[in-house]
Structures are given as structure tokens and as C-alpha cells.
N, C-alpha and C. Protein backbone atom coordinates (compact mmCIF):
# COMPACT_ATOMS: atom_id res chain seq x y z
N GLY A 1 219.18 58.54 283.60
CA GLY A 1 220.17 57.50 283.34
C GLY A 1 220.96 57.71 282.07
N VAL A 2 221.20 58.97 281.68
CA VAL A 2 221.96 59.26 280.46
C VAL A 2 223.45 59.07 280.73
N PRO A 3 224.16 58.20 280.02
CA PRO A 3 225.60 58.02 280.23
C PRO A 3 226.38 59.28 279.80
N VAL A 4 227.33 59.68 280.64
CA VAL A 4 228.17 60.85 280.37
C VAL A 4 229.63 60.43 280.55
N PHE A 5 230.51 60.86 279.61
CA PHE A 5 231.91 60.46 279.64
C PHE A 5 232.80 61.69 279.62
N LEU A 6 233.90 61.63 280.35
CA LEU A 6 234.94 62.65 280.27
C LEU A 6 236.14 62.02 279.57
N ARG A 7 236.50 62.57 278.42
CA ARG A 7 237.59 62.02 277.62
C ARG A 7 238.72 63.03 277.54
N VAL A 8 239.94 62.57 277.83
CA VAL A 8 241.14 63.38 277.69
C VAL A 8 242.06 62.65 276.72
N GLY A 9 242.31 63.27 275.57
CA GLY A 9 243.05 62.58 274.54
C GLY A 9 242.22 61.42 274.02
N ASP A 10 242.83 60.25 274.00
CA ASP A 10 242.12 59.06 273.53
C ASP A 10 241.54 58.23 274.66
N ARG A 11 241.65 58.73 275.89
CA ARG A 11 241.23 57.93 277.04
C ARG A 11 239.96 58.50 277.67
N VAL A 12 239.08 57.61 278.09
CA VAL A 12 237.96 58.00 278.93
C VAL A 12 238.44 57.94 280.38
N VAL A 13 238.52 59.10 281.04
CA VAL A 13 239.11 59.16 282.38
C VAL A 13 238.06 59.18 283.48
N ASN A 14 236.81 59.40 283.14
CA ASN A 14 235.74 59.33 284.14
C ASN A 14 234.40 59.19 283.40
N ARG A 15 233.45 58.60 284.09
CA ARG A 15 232.14 58.41 283.48
C ARG A 15 231.09 58.38 284.59
N GLY A 16 229.85 58.61 284.19
CA GLY A 16 228.76 58.57 285.14
C GLY A 16 227.43 58.63 284.42
N PHE A 17 226.38 58.85 285.19
CA PHE A 17 225.05 58.92 284.62
C PHE A 17 224.37 60.19 285.09
N ALA A 18 223.58 60.80 284.23
CA ALA A 18 222.85 62.01 284.58
C ALA A 18 221.37 61.80 284.33
N ASP A 19 220.56 62.25 285.28
CA ASP A 19 219.11 62.21 285.12
C ASP A 19 218.64 63.58 284.67
N VAL A 20 218.13 63.65 283.45
CA VAL A 20 217.72 64.93 282.87
C VAL A 20 216.20 64.91 282.69
N PRO A 21 215.48 65.77 283.39
CA PRO A 21 214.02 65.79 283.23
C PRO A 21 213.62 66.37 281.88
N ALA A 22 212.45 66.03 281.42
CA ALA A 22 211.94 66.58 280.16
C ALA A 22 211.85 68.10 280.25
N HIS A 23 212.33 68.78 279.20
CA HIS A 23 212.32 70.24 279.14
C HIS A 23 213.14 70.88 280.28
N GLY A 24 214.09 70.12 280.88
CA GLY A 24 214.85 70.64 282.01
C GLY A 24 216.34 70.54 281.80
N THR A 25 217.08 70.83 282.84
CA THR A 25 218.55 70.76 282.80
C THR A 25 219.03 69.94 284.00
N ALA A 26 220.28 69.53 283.92
CA ALA A 26 220.90 68.77 285.02
C ALA A 26 222.38 69.09 285.07
N THR A 27 222.97 68.94 286.25
CA THR A 27 224.41 69.16 286.45
C THR A 27 225.05 67.84 286.87
N LYS A 28 226.16 67.51 286.23
CA LYS A 28 226.88 66.29 286.56
C LYS A 28 228.35 66.62 286.75
N LEU A 29 228.94 66.24 287.88
CA LEU A 29 230.34 66.50 288.17
C LEU A 29 231.17 65.27 287.83
N LEU A 30 232.15 65.45 286.95
CA LEU A 30 233.11 64.40 286.60
C LEU A 30 234.50 64.89 286.98
N ALA A 31 235.06 64.33 288.03
CA ALA A 31 236.34 64.82 288.56
C ALA A 31 237.52 64.15 287.87
N HIS A 32 238.57 64.93 287.67
CA HIS A 32 239.80 64.39 287.09
C HIS A 32 240.96 65.32 287.44
N ARG A 33 242.09 64.76 287.81
CA ARG A 33 243.28 65.56 288.12
C ARG A 33 244.14 65.67 286.87
N PHE A 34 244.21 66.86 286.30
CA PHE A 34 244.97 67.08 285.08
C PHE A 34 246.44 67.34 285.39
N GLU A 35 247.29 67.01 284.44
CA GLU A 35 248.70 67.35 284.54
C GLU A 35 248.87 68.85 284.29
N PRO A 36 249.92 69.46 284.82
CA PRO A 36 250.16 70.89 284.57
C PRO A 36 250.32 71.17 283.08
N GLY A 37 249.91 72.36 282.67
CA GLY A 37 250.02 72.76 281.28
C GLY A 37 248.64 72.99 280.67
N VAL A 38 248.61 73.18 279.36
CA VAL A 38 247.36 73.38 278.64
C VAL A 38 246.80 72.01 278.28
N GLN A 39 245.61 71.71 278.79
CA GLN A 39 245.00 70.40 278.58
C GLN A 39 243.70 70.55 277.79
N ARG A 40 243.46 69.58 276.92
CA ARG A 40 242.24 69.56 276.12
C ARG A 40 241.43 68.32 276.45
N GLY A 41 240.14 68.48 276.47
CA GLY A 41 239.29 67.34 276.79
C GLY A 41 237.93 67.47 276.13
N THR A 42 237.12 66.44 276.31
CA THR A 42 235.78 66.42 275.73
C THR A 42 234.83 65.76 276.72
N VAL A 43 233.66 66.35 276.86
CA VAL A 43 232.57 65.73 277.60
C VAL A 43 231.60 65.17 276.57
N GLN A 44 231.27 63.88 276.69
CA GLN A 44 230.46 63.21 275.68
C GLN A 44 229.23 62.56 276.30
N LEU A 45 228.17 62.56 275.53
CA LEU A 45 226.98 61.77 275.84
C LEU A 45 227.00 60.53 274.97
N GLU A 46 226.25 59.53 275.41
CA GLU A 46 226.10 58.35 274.55
C GLU A 46 225.40 58.77 273.26
N ALA A 47 225.84 58.23 272.17
CA ALA A 47 225.31 58.63 270.85
C ALA A 47 223.80 58.43 270.79
N ASP A 48 223.15 59.41 270.19
CA ASP A 48 221.70 59.31 270.00
C ASP A 48 221.34 59.86 268.63
N ALA A 49 220.06 60.11 268.41
CA ALA A 49 219.61 60.52 267.08
C ALA A 49 220.09 61.92 266.70
N LEU A 50 220.43 62.76 267.69
CA LEU A 50 220.93 64.11 267.40
C LEU A 50 222.41 64.16 267.74
N ALA A 51 223.26 63.92 266.74
CA ALA A 51 224.70 63.80 266.99
C ALA A 51 225.36 65.13 267.32
N ASP A 52 224.77 66.25 266.91
CA ASP A 52 225.43 67.55 267.07
C ASP A 52 225.67 67.93 268.53
N ASP A 53 224.86 67.43 269.46
CA ASP A 53 225.04 67.83 270.86
C ASP A 53 225.61 66.69 271.71
N ASP A 54 226.21 65.71 271.05
CA ASP A 54 226.72 64.56 271.80
C ASP A 54 228.09 64.81 272.43
N ALA A 55 228.79 65.87 272.02
CA ALA A 55 230.14 66.13 272.55
C ALA A 55 230.37 67.63 272.68
N ARG A 56 231.06 68.01 273.73
CA ARG A 56 231.44 69.42 273.93
C ARG A 56 232.92 69.43 274.35
N SER A 57 233.76 70.06 273.53
CA SER A 57 235.21 70.11 273.82
C SER A 57 235.53 71.31 274.69
N PHE A 58 236.66 71.23 275.42
CA PHE A 58 237.10 72.32 276.29
C PHE A 58 238.62 72.34 276.36
N VAL A 59 239.13 73.48 276.74
CA VAL A 59 240.56 73.66 276.97
C VAL A 59 240.73 74.26 278.37
N VAL A 60 241.63 73.73 279.16
CA VAL A 60 241.88 74.25 280.51
C VAL A 60 243.38 74.41 280.71
N ARG A 61 243.76 75.53 281.31
CA ARG A 61 245.17 75.77 281.62
C ARG A 61 245.41 75.43 283.10
N VAL A 62 246.23 74.44 283.36
CA VAL A 62 246.45 73.96 284.72
C VAL A 62 247.82 74.45 285.20
N PRO A 63 247.87 75.27 286.26
CA PRO A 63 249.17 75.72 286.77
C PRO A 63 249.93 74.56 287.40
N LYS A 64 251.22 74.61 287.28
CA LYS A 64 252.02 73.53 287.88
C LYS A 64 252.16 73.78 289.38
N ASP A 65 252.41 72.72 290.12
CA ASP A 65 252.65 72.85 291.55
C ASP A 65 253.93 73.64 291.77
N VAL A 66 253.90 74.54 292.73
CA VAL A 66 255.08 75.34 293.07
C VAL A 66 255.84 74.64 294.20
N ARG A 67 257.13 74.44 293.97
CA ARG A 67 257.97 73.80 294.99
C ARG A 67 258.80 74.88 295.67
N ALA A 68 258.61 75.01 296.97
CA ALA A 68 259.25 76.09 297.73
C ALA A 68 260.24 75.53 298.74
N LEU A 69 261.43 76.14 298.79
CA LEU A 69 262.42 75.85 299.83
C LEU A 69 262.38 76.98 300.84
N VAL A 70 262.05 76.66 302.09
CA VAL A 70 261.92 77.67 303.14
C VAL A 70 263.04 77.47 304.14
N ALA A 71 263.94 78.45 304.25
CA ALA A 71 265.07 78.39 305.18
C ALA A 71 264.71 79.17 306.44
N ASP A 72 264.72 78.49 307.58
CA ASP A 72 264.33 79.07 308.86
C ASP A 72 265.58 79.57 309.58
N GLY A 73 265.73 80.90 309.65
CA GLY A 73 266.91 81.47 310.28
C GLY A 73 266.82 81.60 311.78
N ALA A 74 265.63 81.41 312.36
CA ALA A 74 265.46 81.56 313.80
C ALA A 74 264.45 80.55 314.31
N PRO A 75 264.82 79.25 314.33
CA PRO A 75 263.89 78.23 314.84
C PRO A 75 263.60 78.47 316.33
N SER A 76 262.42 78.07 316.74
CA SER A 76 262.05 78.23 318.15
C SER A 76 261.16 77.07 318.56
N ALA A 77 261.37 76.62 319.82
CA ALA A 77 260.52 75.57 320.36
C ALA A 77 259.11 76.09 320.62
N VAL A 78 258.97 77.40 320.77
CA VAL A 78 257.65 78.01 320.92
C VAL A 78 257.10 78.24 319.51
N ARG A 79 256.06 77.53 319.15
CA ARG A 79 255.61 77.48 317.76
C ARG A 79 255.38 78.85 317.15
N TYR A 80 254.66 79.72 317.85
CA TYR A 80 254.32 81.01 317.24
C TYR A 80 255.49 81.97 317.17
N ARG A 81 256.62 81.61 317.81
CA ARG A 81 257.82 82.45 317.73
C ARG A 81 258.78 81.96 316.66
N ASP A 82 258.51 80.80 316.10
CA ASP A 82 259.36 80.28 315.03
C ASP A 82 259.25 81.18 313.80
N GLU A 83 260.37 81.36 313.11
CA GLU A 83 260.40 82.28 311.97
C GLU A 83 259.46 81.85 310.85
N THR A 84 259.15 80.56 310.77
CA THR A 84 258.32 80.06 309.67
C THR A 84 256.84 80.01 310.01
N PHE A 85 256.45 80.43 311.20
CA PHE A 85 255.08 80.22 311.67
C PHE A 85 254.04 80.79 310.71
N PHE A 86 254.17 82.06 310.37
CA PHE A 86 253.17 82.69 309.52
C PHE A 86 253.30 82.24 308.06
N VAL A 87 254.54 81.99 307.62
CA VAL A 87 254.75 81.53 306.24
C VAL A 87 254.12 80.16 306.05
N GLU A 88 254.31 79.27 307.03
CA GLU A 88 253.75 77.93 306.91
C GLU A 88 252.23 77.99 306.84
N ALA A 89 251.63 78.89 307.61
CA ALA A 89 250.18 79.04 307.57
C ALA A 89 249.73 79.60 306.22
N ALA A 90 250.50 80.54 305.68
CA ALA A 90 250.13 81.16 304.40
C ALA A 90 250.24 80.19 303.23
N LEU A 91 251.18 79.25 303.32
CA LEU A 91 251.38 78.30 302.22
C LEU A 91 250.55 77.04 302.37
N GLY A 92 249.80 76.92 303.46
CA GLY A 92 249.06 75.70 303.74
C GLY A 92 247.94 75.45 302.74
N PRO A 93 247.45 74.22 302.67
CA PRO A 93 246.40 73.85 301.70
C PRO A 93 245.14 74.69 301.83
N GLY A 94 244.81 75.11 303.05
CA GLY A 94 243.61 75.91 303.23
C GLY A 94 243.68 77.24 302.52
N ARG A 95 244.90 77.74 302.30
CA ARG A 95 245.07 79.03 301.62
C ARG A 95 245.29 78.90 300.13
N THR A 96 245.97 77.84 299.73
CA THR A 96 246.43 77.76 298.34
C THR A 96 245.79 76.63 297.54
N GLY A 97 244.96 75.83 298.18
CA GLY A 97 244.38 74.69 297.46
C GLY A 97 245.37 73.56 297.27
N GLY A 98 246.46 73.58 298.02
CA GLY A 98 247.44 72.51 297.96
C GLY A 98 248.36 72.58 296.77
N ARG A 99 248.44 73.73 296.08
CA ARG A 99 249.26 73.83 294.89
C ARG A 99 250.71 74.20 295.21
N ILE A 100 251.04 74.46 296.48
CA ILE A 100 252.40 74.79 296.86
C ILE A 100 252.93 73.69 297.77
N SER A 101 254.05 73.10 297.37
CA SER A 101 254.71 72.07 298.16
C SER A 101 255.96 72.69 298.79
N ALA A 102 255.97 72.82 300.10
CA ALA A 102 257.06 73.53 300.79
C ALA A 102 257.94 72.56 301.57
N THR A 103 259.25 72.77 301.48
CA THR A 103 260.24 72.04 302.27
C THR A 103 260.84 73.00 303.28
N PHE A 104 260.71 72.71 304.57
CA PHE A 104 261.18 73.59 305.63
C PHE A 104 262.47 73.02 306.22
N LEU A 105 263.54 73.84 306.18
CA LEU A 105 264.84 73.43 306.71
C LEU A 105 265.44 74.58 307.50
N ASP A 106 266.41 74.25 308.38
CA ASP A 106 267.14 75.34 309.04
C ASP A 106 268.11 75.95 308.03
N ALA A 107 268.71 77.07 308.42
CA ALA A 107 269.52 77.83 307.47
C ALA A 107 270.69 77.01 306.94
N ASP A 108 271.37 76.24 307.79
CA ASP A 108 272.52 75.46 307.35
C ASP A 108 272.11 74.33 306.40
N ALA A 109 271.05 73.63 306.75
CA ALA A 109 270.61 72.51 305.91
C ALA A 109 270.12 73.00 304.55
N ALA A 110 269.50 74.16 304.53
CA ALA A 110 268.98 74.69 303.26
C ALA A 110 270.10 74.98 302.28
N GLN A 111 271.26 75.37 302.79
CA GLN A 111 272.38 75.70 301.91
C GLN A 111 272.99 74.47 301.26
N SER A 112 272.62 73.29 301.76
CA SER A 112 273.16 72.05 301.20
C SER A 112 272.24 71.43 300.16
N ARG A 113 271.04 72.00 299.97
CA ARG A 113 270.09 71.45 299.03
C ARG A 113 270.32 72.00 297.62
N SER A 114 270.03 71.16 296.64
CA SER A 114 270.11 71.60 295.25
C SER A 114 268.89 72.46 294.93
N LEU A 115 269.12 73.64 294.40
CA LEU A 115 268.01 74.54 294.09
C LEU A 115 267.28 74.12 292.83
N ALA A 116 267.83 73.17 292.10
CA ALA A 116 267.16 72.68 290.89
C ALA A 116 265.84 72.00 291.23
N ASP A 117 265.66 71.60 292.50
CA ASP A 117 264.45 70.91 292.91
C ASP A 117 263.32 71.87 293.27
N PHE A 118 263.55 73.20 293.14
CA PHE A 118 262.58 74.17 293.65
C PHE A 118 262.28 75.26 292.63
N ASP A 119 261.13 75.92 292.84
CA ASP A 119 260.73 77.04 292.00
C ASP A 119 260.91 78.38 292.71
N VAL A 120 260.91 78.37 294.03
CA VAL A 120 261.06 79.60 294.81
C VAL A 120 261.80 79.27 296.10
N VAL A 121 262.65 80.21 296.53
CA VAL A 121 263.41 80.07 297.78
C VAL A 121 263.03 81.21 298.70
N LEU A 122 262.67 80.86 299.95
CA LEU A 122 262.35 81.86 300.96
C LEU A 122 263.40 81.80 302.05
N LEU A 123 264.16 82.87 302.21
CA LEU A 123 265.17 82.97 303.26
C LEU A 123 264.61 83.85 304.36
N LEU A 124 264.25 83.24 305.48
CA LEU A 124 263.57 83.95 306.55
C LEU A 124 264.54 84.24 307.69
N ASN A 125 265.00 85.50 307.77
CA ASN A 125 265.85 85.94 308.87
C ASN A 125 267.08 85.06 309.02
N VAL A 126 267.77 84.79 307.90
CA VAL A 126 268.96 83.93 307.95
C VAL A 126 270.22 84.80 307.98
N PRO A 127 271.27 84.35 308.68
CA PRO A 127 272.56 85.04 308.58
C PRO A 127 273.07 84.98 307.15
N ALA A 128 274.02 85.85 306.83
CA ALA A 128 274.58 85.87 305.47
C ALA A 128 275.09 84.48 305.10
N PRO A 129 274.62 83.91 303.98
CA PRO A 129 275.00 82.55 303.62
C PRO A 129 276.40 82.46 303.03
N ARG A 130 276.84 81.23 302.81
CA ARG A 130 278.16 80.97 302.24
C ARG A 130 278.21 81.45 300.79
N PRO A 131 279.40 81.86 300.32
CA PRO A 131 279.51 82.35 298.93
C PRO A 131 279.02 81.35 297.90
N GLY A 132 279.29 80.07 298.11
CA GLY A 132 278.86 79.07 297.14
C GLY A 132 277.35 79.01 297.00
N PHE A 133 276.64 79.16 298.12
CA PHE A 133 275.18 79.15 298.08
C PHE A 133 274.64 80.40 297.41
N VAL A 134 275.30 81.54 297.66
CA VAL A 134 274.88 82.78 297.02
C VAL A 134 275.03 82.67 295.51
N GLN A 135 276.11 82.05 295.05
CA GLN A 135 276.30 81.88 293.61
C GLN A 135 275.20 80.98 293.03
N SER A 136 274.83 79.93 293.78
CA SER A 136 273.73 79.07 293.33
C SER A 136 272.43 79.85 293.27
N LEU A 137 272.21 80.73 294.25
CA LEU A 137 271.01 81.57 294.26
C LEU A 137 270.99 82.50 293.05
N ARG A 138 272.15 83.08 292.73
CA ARG A 138 272.22 84.00 291.59
C ARG A 138 271.86 83.27 290.29
N THR A 139 272.42 82.09 290.10
CA THR A 139 272.11 81.29 288.91
C THR A 139 270.63 80.91 288.89
N PHE A 140 270.10 80.57 290.05
CA PHE A 140 268.69 80.19 290.20
C PHE A 140 267.77 81.34 289.81
N VAL A 141 268.07 82.54 290.29
CA VAL A 141 267.23 83.71 290.01
C VAL A 141 267.34 84.11 288.53
N GLU A 142 268.56 84.07 287.98
CA GLU A 142 268.74 84.44 286.58
C GLU A 142 268.00 83.48 285.64
N ALA A 143 267.76 82.25 286.12
CA ALA A 143 267.04 81.27 285.31
C ALA A 143 265.53 81.37 285.51
N GLY A 144 265.08 82.34 286.33
CA GLY A 144 263.65 82.54 286.51
C GLY A 144 263.11 82.11 287.85
N GLY A 145 263.96 81.62 288.76
CA GLY A 145 263.50 81.20 290.08
C GLY A 145 263.10 82.40 290.93
N GLY A 146 262.20 82.16 291.87
CA GLY A 146 261.75 83.23 292.77
C GLY A 146 262.58 83.26 294.04
N LEU A 147 262.80 84.47 294.57
CA LEU A 147 263.58 84.63 295.81
C LEU A 147 262.85 85.60 296.72
N PHE A 148 262.56 85.16 297.95
CA PHE A 148 261.90 85.99 298.96
C PHE A 148 262.84 86.12 300.14
N LEU A 149 263.10 87.34 300.58
CA LEU A 149 264.00 87.60 301.69
C LEU A 149 263.26 88.35 302.78
N SER A 150 263.41 87.92 304.03
CA SER A 150 262.87 88.68 305.15
C SER A 150 263.98 88.85 306.19
N ALA A 151 264.05 90.04 306.77
CA ALA A 151 265.11 90.37 307.72
C ALA A 151 264.61 90.23 309.15
N GLY A 152 265.56 90.18 310.08
CA GLY A 152 265.24 90.06 311.50
C GLY A 152 266.49 90.18 312.33
N ASP A 153 266.44 89.64 313.54
CA ASP A 153 267.56 89.82 314.46
C ASP A 153 268.79 89.02 314.07
N GLN A 154 268.67 88.07 313.14
CA GLN A 154 269.83 87.29 312.70
C GLN A 154 270.54 87.93 311.51
N VAL A 155 270.00 89.03 311.02
CA VAL A 155 270.53 89.66 309.81
C VAL A 155 271.46 90.81 310.15
N SER A 156 272.68 90.74 309.64
CA SER A 156 273.62 91.85 309.71
C SER A 156 273.56 92.59 308.38
N PRO A 157 273.11 93.84 308.38
CA PRO A 157 272.98 94.55 307.10
C PRO A 157 274.27 94.58 306.29
N ASP A 158 275.39 94.85 306.93
CA ASP A 158 276.66 94.91 306.20
C ASP A 158 276.99 93.57 305.57
N ASP A 159 276.79 92.49 306.33
CA ASP A 159 277.09 91.16 305.81
C ASP A 159 276.15 90.79 304.66
N TRP A 160 274.88 91.14 304.79
CA TRP A 160 273.92 90.86 303.72
C TRP A 160 274.25 91.64 302.46
N ASN A 161 274.57 92.92 302.62
CA ASN A 161 274.91 93.74 301.45
C ASN A 161 276.12 93.17 300.72
N ALA A 162 277.11 92.70 301.50
CA ALA A 162 278.32 92.14 300.89
C ALA A 162 278.04 90.79 300.23
N ALA A 163 277.20 89.97 300.87
CA ALA A 163 276.97 88.61 300.37
C ALA A 163 276.03 88.60 299.18
N PHE A 164 274.89 89.29 299.28
CA PHE A 164 273.87 89.19 298.24
C PHE A 164 274.09 90.17 297.09
N ALA A 165 274.69 91.31 297.38
CA ALA A 165 274.99 92.31 296.35
C ALA A 165 273.76 92.59 295.49
N GLU A 166 273.84 92.33 294.17
CA GLU A 166 272.76 92.72 293.26
C GLU A 166 271.50 91.87 293.41
N LEU A 167 271.55 90.80 294.22
CA LEU A 167 270.33 90.04 294.48
C LEU A 167 269.35 90.82 295.36
N LEU A 168 269.85 91.80 296.10
CA LEU A 168 268.98 92.65 296.89
C LEU A 168 268.35 93.71 296.00
N PRO A 169 267.07 94.02 296.21
CA PRO A 169 266.46 95.09 295.41
C PRO A 169 267.14 96.44 295.65
N ARG A 170 267.68 96.63 296.86
CA ARG A 170 268.52 97.78 297.17
C ARG A 170 269.23 97.49 298.48
N PRO A 171 270.35 98.16 298.77
CA PRO A 171 271.08 97.88 300.01
C PRO A 171 270.20 98.12 301.24
N ILE A 172 270.45 97.35 302.29
CA ILE A 172 269.71 97.52 303.52
C ILE A 172 270.61 98.16 304.57
N HIS A 173 270.00 98.73 305.61
CA HIS A 173 270.77 99.34 306.67
C HIS A 173 270.08 99.10 307.99
N LEU A 174 270.82 99.25 309.07
CA LEU A 174 270.30 99.04 310.41
C LEU A 174 269.66 100.32 310.92
N VAL A 175 268.42 100.23 311.36
CA VAL A 175 267.74 101.38 311.95
C VAL A 175 268.14 101.46 313.42
N ARG A 176 268.71 102.60 313.80
CA ARG A 176 269.12 102.81 315.19
C ARG A 176 268.19 103.82 315.84
N THR A 177 267.94 103.62 317.12
CA THR A 177 267.07 104.52 317.87
C THR A 177 267.80 105.03 319.10
N ALA A 178 267.31 106.12 319.65
CA ALA A 178 267.90 106.69 320.85
C ALA A 178 267.46 105.90 322.08
N ALA A 179 268.36 105.72 323.04
CA ALA A 179 268.04 105.03 324.28
C ALA A 179 269.13 105.34 325.30
N GLU A 180 268.81 105.17 326.56
CA GLU A 180 269.82 105.34 327.60
C GLU A 180 270.73 104.12 327.62
N PRO A 181 272.02 104.29 327.95
CA PRO A 181 272.97 103.16 327.91
C PRO A 181 272.52 101.96 328.72
N GLU A 182 271.94 102.20 329.91
CA GLU A 182 271.57 101.07 330.76
C GLU A 182 270.38 100.28 330.21
N GLU A 183 269.68 100.82 329.22
CA GLU A 183 268.52 100.14 328.66
C GLU A 183 268.91 99.11 327.61
N THR A 184 270.13 99.12 327.13
CA THR A 184 270.53 98.25 326.02
C THR A 184 271.73 97.38 326.35
N GLN A 185 272.05 97.23 327.62
CA GLN A 185 273.19 96.41 327.98
C GLN A 185 272.98 94.97 327.52
N GLY A 186 273.92 94.44 326.75
CA GLY A 186 273.86 93.05 326.30
C GLY A 186 272.76 92.75 325.31
N GLN A 187 272.22 93.74 324.64
CA GLN A 187 271.13 93.53 323.70
C GLN A 187 271.54 93.89 322.28
N GLY A 188 272.72 93.50 321.87
CA GLY A 188 273.15 93.76 320.49
C GLY A 188 273.84 95.10 320.35
N PRO A 189 273.87 95.63 319.13
CA PRO A 189 274.59 96.88 318.86
C PRO A 189 274.03 98.03 319.69
N PRO A 190 274.90 98.93 320.18
CA PRO A 190 274.40 100.06 320.97
C PRO A 190 273.63 101.03 320.09
N PRO A 191 272.70 101.76 320.67
CA PRO A 191 271.96 102.75 319.88
C PRO A 191 272.84 103.92 319.50
N ALA A 192 272.46 104.62 318.45
CA ALA A 192 273.21 105.80 318.02
C ALA A 192 272.75 107.00 318.83
N ARG A 193 273.70 107.87 319.19
CA ARG A 193 273.34 109.08 319.92
C ARG A 193 274.41 110.14 319.68
N PHE A 194 274.01 111.37 319.80
CA PHE A 194 274.97 112.47 319.73
C PHE A 194 275.54 112.74 321.11
N SER A 195 274.68 112.84 322.10
CA SER A 195 275.10 113.13 323.46
C SER A 195 273.87 113.03 324.35
N ARG A 196 274.07 113.09 325.64
CA ARG A 196 272.93 113.19 326.55
C ARG A 196 272.30 114.57 326.39
N VAL A 197 271.00 114.62 326.48
CA VAL A 197 270.29 115.89 326.33
C VAL A 197 270.18 116.58 327.68
N ASP A 198 270.62 117.83 327.74
CA ASP A 198 270.51 118.62 328.96
C ASP A 198 269.22 119.44 328.87
N TYR A 199 268.18 118.91 329.49
CA TYR A 199 266.87 119.57 329.40
C TYR A 199 266.80 120.87 330.21
N LEU A 200 267.83 121.14 331.01
CA LEU A 200 267.86 122.40 331.76
C LEU A 200 268.51 123.52 330.97
N HIS A 201 268.98 123.22 329.76
CA HIS A 201 269.61 124.23 328.93
C HIS A 201 268.58 125.30 328.57
N PRO A 202 268.99 126.57 328.50
CA PRO A 202 268.05 127.67 328.17
C PRO A 202 267.28 127.45 326.87
N ALA A 203 267.85 126.66 325.95
CA ALA A 203 267.16 126.44 324.68
C ALA A 203 265.83 125.73 324.87
N PHE A 204 265.67 125.03 326.01
CA PHE A 204 264.45 124.27 326.24
C PHE A 204 263.40 125.02 327.06
N THR A 205 263.69 126.26 327.42
CA THR A 205 262.74 127.01 328.24
C THR A 205 261.40 127.24 327.53
N VAL A 206 261.41 127.24 326.19
CA VAL A 206 260.18 127.45 325.46
C VAL A 206 259.19 126.31 325.66
N PHE A 207 259.71 125.16 326.12
CA PHE A 207 258.84 123.98 326.31
C PHE A 207 258.39 123.82 327.75
N GLU A 208 258.59 124.81 328.59
CA GLU A 208 258.19 124.70 329.99
C GLU A 208 256.73 125.10 330.15
N GLY A 209 256.18 124.76 331.31
CA GLY A 209 254.82 125.16 331.62
C GLY A 209 253.80 124.49 330.72
N ALA A 210 252.89 125.32 330.18
CA ALA A 210 251.79 124.79 329.36
C ALA A 210 252.30 124.14 328.08
N SER A 211 253.51 124.48 327.63
CA SER A 211 254.05 123.94 326.40
C SER A 211 254.87 122.66 326.62
N GLU A 212 254.89 122.18 327.85
CA GLU A 212 255.76 121.04 328.17
C GLU A 212 255.40 119.82 327.32
N GLY A 213 254.11 119.61 327.07
CA GLY A 213 253.72 118.44 326.27
C GLY A 213 254.30 118.48 324.88
């Protein structure tokens, strides 16, 4: 029944009782939600004949909550196909202890929000944004804000390079692969190719027979 107090500044913010056996030890949990920053506190026992062990001071550094703006460039009614699916899971309380507060918006709505309300901006597969929003992003980043960019089918490399400029770690480009024309009808930009390959050309005779693989 030993009284125990948790004091922060001049206030007692929590208290309880601890049962300590003779010649033994005991653990007592006193919970308190501290404000972000460097906080100082004291754990105190009720005064007794030995004053030297009645108080123990501590210092704790509490990280501030991170406020994230997440712009969804490819929303989907199918949950696992939505652009934010994995990001939302990664930022959830189970992963972060609830220290990240995320606001999820579509690409257009995100461009209308003030970035002063956030610590980090995540642009997930968004088309090149408006110049005014890019300027706000530049000011935000120069002031220490975080910027996360992910590309996908909504991203035009040329448009992104022109819009973001030095905000990109380096220019991006479209990876093109070889394919037959009928395989890519109506599926975006055509693949790059030099010409159709004539496998009957004498240059390919070395790959015949056992070497065909």
C-alpha cells in the first residue's frame, strides 16, 4: 500500500499504490500521455524516514504526431486495387502505434488542401498536378516537409519531368518493351521496336537444332 505519484512540472498527473514485499521489488505502471517534445517528470513515493529515495526524476523525448496527406491517383471500388491499399495498411495504428494521422483524398481534392496542415505528402500514381500546387509543394519541401512519389499507369514521364523538375531526385522515363502490334491495341503507348525479326535469316542458323533454346 505504498503511495506512488507521477509528477510532471508542478502537477501530479497520475497516482497509485504499490505493494512492496520485505527485501523485494515491485513494478507499478503509471500511464500518462505526454505532449510532443522533451518532457521532464518525477516519480515520487510518500515521504518517509529516508528522504533520499523518495523521488526519481526522468527525461523523455516524445516524437510529435506525423500528419500525412495521401493523394490517391487511381481510386478503385475493388479495395486491394486501390492505389492507397498498401500505404493505408503501412500507416495504420498496428504498424506505427498511432503516431501517424493520415488524410486520404483523390488527386484533385488533394491539390486544394493547404499543405501547412501536414508534415509529409504522398502522391500515389497521380497525373502531373497544376503549377500552383507544384509551387506549394516546392515551398513545403524547402521548409522541411516530406514528399513521397510513386509512379504508375496515371503517370506521364514527360509531364512529370516538366511539372516537378528539381523536386524529382532524377528525371524519369517510360520503360518500353518489345511486343507484337496486335498484343497492345488500345493499351496505351505502343511498344518500341526496330522491325519485325526474320528468324529465317541466315544470321540465326547458329541457333537451330540443339542450340535453339
